[in-house]
């Protein structure tokens, strides 16, 4: 079964939307793991001179960084709520 670009994009959007239902700690850890995985994928792309893997690695890295920052923000809001 071959997926179209639109189906893949919708799937990626769905995955990102799921991050809002996770705890701050889950988003921080999963985001960091995705960021590291993206860096590794990018380096593999560098070593093999594969531009597609380089770009996919950078995309994964940025998505992971965004998810980690979401977790950081959720934690900050939770901490603020507790102090009020």
N, C-alpha and C. Protein backbone atom coordinates (compact mmCIF):
# COMPACT_ATOMS: atom_id res chain seq x y z
N UNK A 1 0.85 -1.18 0.00
CA UNK A 1 0.00 0.00 0.00
C UNK A 1 0.89 1.24 0.00
N UNK A 2 0.63 2.11 -0.91
CA UNK A 2 1.45 3.32 -1.05
C UNK A 2 0.68 4.50 -0.45
N UNK A 3 1.34 5.26 0.41
CA UNK A 3 0.71 6.42 1.04
C UNK A 3 1.01 7.67 0.23
N UNK A 4 0.03 8.51 0.09
CA UNK A 4 0.24 9.77 -0.61
C UNK A 4 0.88 10.76 0.34
N UNK A 5 1.41 11.83 -0.22
CA UNK A 5 2.02 12.89 0.59
C UNK A 5 1.02 13.46 1.58
N UNK A 6 -0.24 13.67 1.13
CA UNK A 6 -1.27 14.22 2.03
C UNK A 6 -1.54 13.29 3.20
N UNK A 7 -1.57 11.99 2.94
CA UNK A 7 -1.81 11.02 4.02
C UNK A 7 -0.66 11.04 5.01
N UNK A 8 0.56 11.14 4.51
CA UNK A 8 1.72 11.20 5.39
C UNK A 8 1.69 12.48 6.21
N UNK A 9 1.38 13.59 5.59
CA UNK A 9 1.30 14.87 6.30
C UNK A 9 0.24 14.82 7.38
N UNK A 10 -0.92 14.27 7.06
CA UNK A 10 -1.98 14.16 8.07
C UNK A 10 -1.52 13.29 9.22
N UNK A 11 -0.81 12.18 8.92
CA UNK A 11 -0.32 11.31 9.97
C UNK A 11 0.68 12.05 10.85
N UNK A 12 1.58 12.83 10.26
CA UNK A 12 2.55 13.60 11.04
C UNK A 12 1.84 14.65 11.89
N UNK A 13 0.81 15.31 11.33
CA UNK A 13 0.05 16.29 12.10
C UNK A 13 -0.63 15.62 13.27
N UNK A 14 -1.16 14.42 13.06
CA UNK A 14 -1.84 13.68 14.12
C UNK A 14 -0.85 13.34 15.24
N UNK A 15 0.36 12.94 14.85
CA UNK A 15 1.37 12.61 15.85
C UNK A 15 1.71 13.83 16.68
N UNK A 16 1.83 14.98 16.05
CA UNK A 16 2.17 16.19 16.78
C UNK A 16 1.01 16.59 17.69
N UNK A 17 -0.23 16.41 17.24
CA UNK A 17 -1.38 16.75 18.06
C UNK A 17 -1.43 15.87 19.30
N UNK A 18 -0.98 14.62 19.19
CA UNK A 18 -1.00 13.72 20.34
C UNK A 18 -0.08 14.18 21.46
N UNK A 19 0.90 15.02 21.17
CA UNK A 19 1.82 15.47 22.20
C UNK A 19 1.12 16.33 23.24
N UNK A 20 -0.02 16.91 22.90
CA UNK A 20 -0.72 17.76 23.86
C UNK A 20 -1.42 16.95 24.93
N UNK A 21 -1.58 15.65 24.74
CA UNK A 21 -2.23 14.80 25.73
C UNK A 21 -1.23 14.12 26.65
N UNK A 22 0.04 14.35 26.45
CA UNK A 22 1.07 13.72 27.25
C UNK A 22 1.47 14.65 28.39
N UNK A 23 2.07 14.07 29.40
CA UNK A 23 2.55 14.88 30.51
C UNK A 23 3.76 15.71 30.07
N UNK A 24 4.05 16.71 30.84
CA UNK A 24 5.20 17.57 30.54
C UNK A 24 6.48 16.73 30.49
N UNK A 25 6.62 15.82 31.43
CA UNK A 25 7.82 14.99 31.49
C UNK A 25 7.92 14.07 30.28
N UNK A 26 6.78 13.50 29.84
CA UNK A 26 6.79 12.65 28.65
C UNK A 26 7.22 13.44 27.43
N UNK A 27 6.67 14.64 27.27
CA UNK A 27 7.04 15.47 26.12
C UNK A 27 8.51 15.85 26.17
N UNK A 28 9.02 16.15 27.35
CA UNK A 28 10.43 16.51 27.47
C UNK A 28 11.33 15.34 27.07
N UNK A 29 11.03 14.16 27.61
CA UNK A 29 11.86 12.98 27.33
C UNK A 29 11.75 12.52 25.88
N UNK A 30 10.52 12.42 25.37
CA UNK A 30 10.33 11.99 24.00
C UNK A 30 10.91 13.00 23.02
N UNK A 31 10.76 14.28 23.34
CA UNK A 31 11.32 15.32 22.48
C UNK A 31 12.83 15.24 22.41
N UNK A 32 13.45 15.02 23.56
CA UNK A 32 14.92 14.91 23.59
C UNK A 32 15.37 13.68 22.81
N UNK A 33 14.62 12.57 22.95
CA UNK A 33 14.97 11.36 22.22
C UNK A 33 14.84 11.58 20.70
N UNK A 34 13.78 12.26 20.27
CA UNK A 34 13.60 12.55 18.85
C UNK A 34 14.70 13.48 18.35
N UNK A 35 15.06 14.44 19.18
CA UNK A 35 16.12 15.37 18.80
C UNK A 35 17.44 14.62 18.58
N UNK A 36 17.78 13.75 19.50
CA UNK A 36 19.02 12.97 19.39
C UNK A 36 18.95 12.04 18.18
N UNK A 37 17.79 11.38 18.00
CA UNK A 37 17.62 10.50 16.83
C UNK A 37 17.78 11.26 15.53
N UNK A 38 17.25 12.47 15.49
CA UNK A 38 17.38 13.30 14.30
C UNK A 38 18.82 13.68 14.02
N UNK A 39 19.55 13.98 15.08
CA UNK A 39 20.97 14.31 14.91
C UNK A 39 21.74 13.12 14.35
N UNK A 40 21.43 11.94 14.87
CA UNK A 40 22.09 10.73 14.39
C UNK A 40 21.74 10.48 12.92
N UNK A 41 20.44 10.61 12.60
CA UNK A 41 20.00 10.40 11.21
C UNK A 41 20.68 11.40 10.27
N UNK A 42 20.80 12.63 10.72
CA UNK A 42 21.48 13.64 9.91
C UNK A 42 22.94 13.32 9.69
N UNK A 43 23.61 12.82 10.75
CA UNK A 43 25.02 12.45 10.62
C UNK A 43 25.20 11.26 9.68
N UNK A 44 24.27 10.31 9.75
CA UNK A 44 24.32 9.18 8.82
C UNK A 44 24.17 9.71 7.39
N UNK A 45 23.28 10.67 7.21
CA UNK A 45 23.12 11.30 5.89
C UNK A 45 24.39 12.00 5.45
N UNK A 46 25.07 12.64 6.40
CA UNK A 46 26.36 13.28 6.07
C UNK A 46 27.39 12.25 5.63
N UNK A 47 27.50 11.18 6.40
CA UNK A 47 28.50 10.16 6.12
C UNK A 47 28.25 9.48 4.77
N UNK A 48 26.98 9.22 4.48
CA UNK A 48 26.63 8.52 3.24
C UNK A 48 26.38 9.49 2.09
N UNK A 49 26.51 10.77 2.36
CA UNK A 49 26.27 11.82 1.36
C UNK A 49 24.84 11.71 0.78
N UNK A 50 23.89 11.45 1.68
CA UNK A 50 22.49 11.29 1.30
C UNK A 50 21.72 12.52 1.78
N UNK A 51 21.44 13.43 0.85
CA UNK A 51 20.77 14.69 1.22
C UNK A 51 19.38 14.46 1.80
N UNK A 52 18.68 13.45 1.31
CA UNK A 52 17.35 13.15 1.82
C UNK A 52 17.41 12.81 3.31
N UNK A 53 18.36 11.96 3.68
CA UNK A 53 18.51 11.60 5.10
C UNK A 53 18.98 12.79 5.93
N UNK A 54 19.80 13.65 5.34
CA UNK A 54 20.24 14.86 6.05
C UNK A 54 19.03 15.72 6.40
N UNK A 55 18.15 15.93 5.41
CA UNK A 55 16.97 16.77 5.63
C UNK A 55 15.99 16.11 6.59
N UNK A 56 15.79 14.81 6.45
CA UNK A 56 14.88 14.10 7.36
C UNK A 56 15.42 14.15 8.78
N UNK A 57 16.73 14.01 8.92
CA UNK A 57 17.34 14.10 10.24
C UNK A 57 17.14 15.47 10.86
N UNK A 58 17.30 16.52 10.06
CA UNK A 58 17.11 17.88 10.56
C UNK A 58 15.65 18.09 10.96
N UNK A 59 14.73 17.56 10.14
CA UNK A 59 13.31 17.68 10.45
C UNK A 59 12.99 16.98 11.76
N UNK A 60 13.50 15.75 11.94
CA UNK A 60 13.26 15.01 13.18
C UNK A 60 13.85 15.76 14.38
N UNK A 61 15.04 16.31 14.17
CA UNK A 61 15.70 17.07 15.24
C UNK A 61 14.85 18.27 15.66
N UNK A 62 14.34 19.01 14.69
CA UNK A 62 13.52 20.20 14.98
C UNK A 62 12.19 19.82 15.63
N UNK A 63 11.57 18.73 15.16
CA UNK A 63 10.32 18.27 15.76
C UNK A 63 10.56 17.87 17.22
N UNK A 64 11.68 17.20 17.47
CA UNK A 64 12.02 16.80 18.84
C UNK A 64 12.26 18.01 19.72
N UNK A 65 12.97 18.99 19.19
CA UNK A 65 13.23 20.21 19.96
C UNK A 65 11.92 20.93 20.30
N UNK A 66 11.00 20.96 19.34
CA UNK A 66 9.70 21.61 19.58
C UNK A 66 8.92 20.86 20.65
N UNK A 67 8.93 19.52 20.59
CA UNK A 67 8.20 18.74 21.59
C UNK A 67 8.81 18.94 22.97
N UNK A 68 10.14 19.00 23.05
CA UNK A 68 10.80 19.23 24.34
C UNK A 68 10.42 20.60 24.88
N UNK A 69 10.39 21.61 24.02
CA UNK A 69 10.01 22.95 24.47
C UNK A 69 8.55 22.99 24.93
N UNK A 70 7.69 22.20 24.28
CA UNK A 70 6.31 22.10 24.72
C UNK A 70 6.26 21.54 26.14
N UNK A 71 7.03 20.50 26.38
CA UNK A 71 7.10 19.92 27.72
C UNK A 71 7.64 20.92 28.74
N UNK A 72 8.64 21.69 28.35
CA UNK A 72 9.19 22.72 29.23
C UNK A 72 8.12 23.76 29.58
N UNK A 73 7.36 24.18 28.58
CA UNK A 73 6.31 25.18 28.80
C UNK A 73 5.21 24.63 29.69
N UNK A 74 4.83 23.38 29.45
CA UNK A 74 3.79 22.75 30.29
C UNK A 74 4.25 22.68 31.74
N UNK A 75 5.51 22.33 31.95
CA UNK A 75 6.06 22.26 33.30
C UNK A 75 6.05 23.65 33.95
N UNK A 76 6.44 24.67 33.19
CA UNK A 76 6.46 26.03 33.72
C UNK A 76 5.07 26.49 34.12
N UNK A 77 4.07 26.17 33.30
CA UNK A 77 2.68 26.55 33.63
C UNK A 77 2.22 25.81 34.88
N UNK A 78 2.54 24.53 34.95
CA UNK A 78 2.16 23.74 36.13
C UNK A 78 2.81 24.33 37.39
N UNK A 79 4.10 24.67 37.30
CA UNK A 79 4.80 25.27 38.44
C UNK A 79 4.18 26.59 38.83
N UNK A 80 3.80 27.38 37.86
CA UNK A 80 3.16 28.67 38.13
C UNK A 80 1.81 28.49 38.81
N UNK A 81 1.04 27.54 38.31
CA UNK A 81 -0.26 27.25 38.93
C UNK A 81 -0.12 26.85 40.38
N UNK A 82 0.93 26.06 40.67
CA UNK A 82 1.15 25.59 42.05
C UNK A 82 1.55 26.71 42.98
N UNK A 83 2.19 27.76 42.46
CA UNK A 83 2.63 28.86 43.33
C UNK A 83 1.51 29.87 43.57
N UNK A 84 0.46 29.82 42.76
CA UNK A 84 -0.64 30.78 42.93
C UNK A 84 -1.67 30.32 43.90
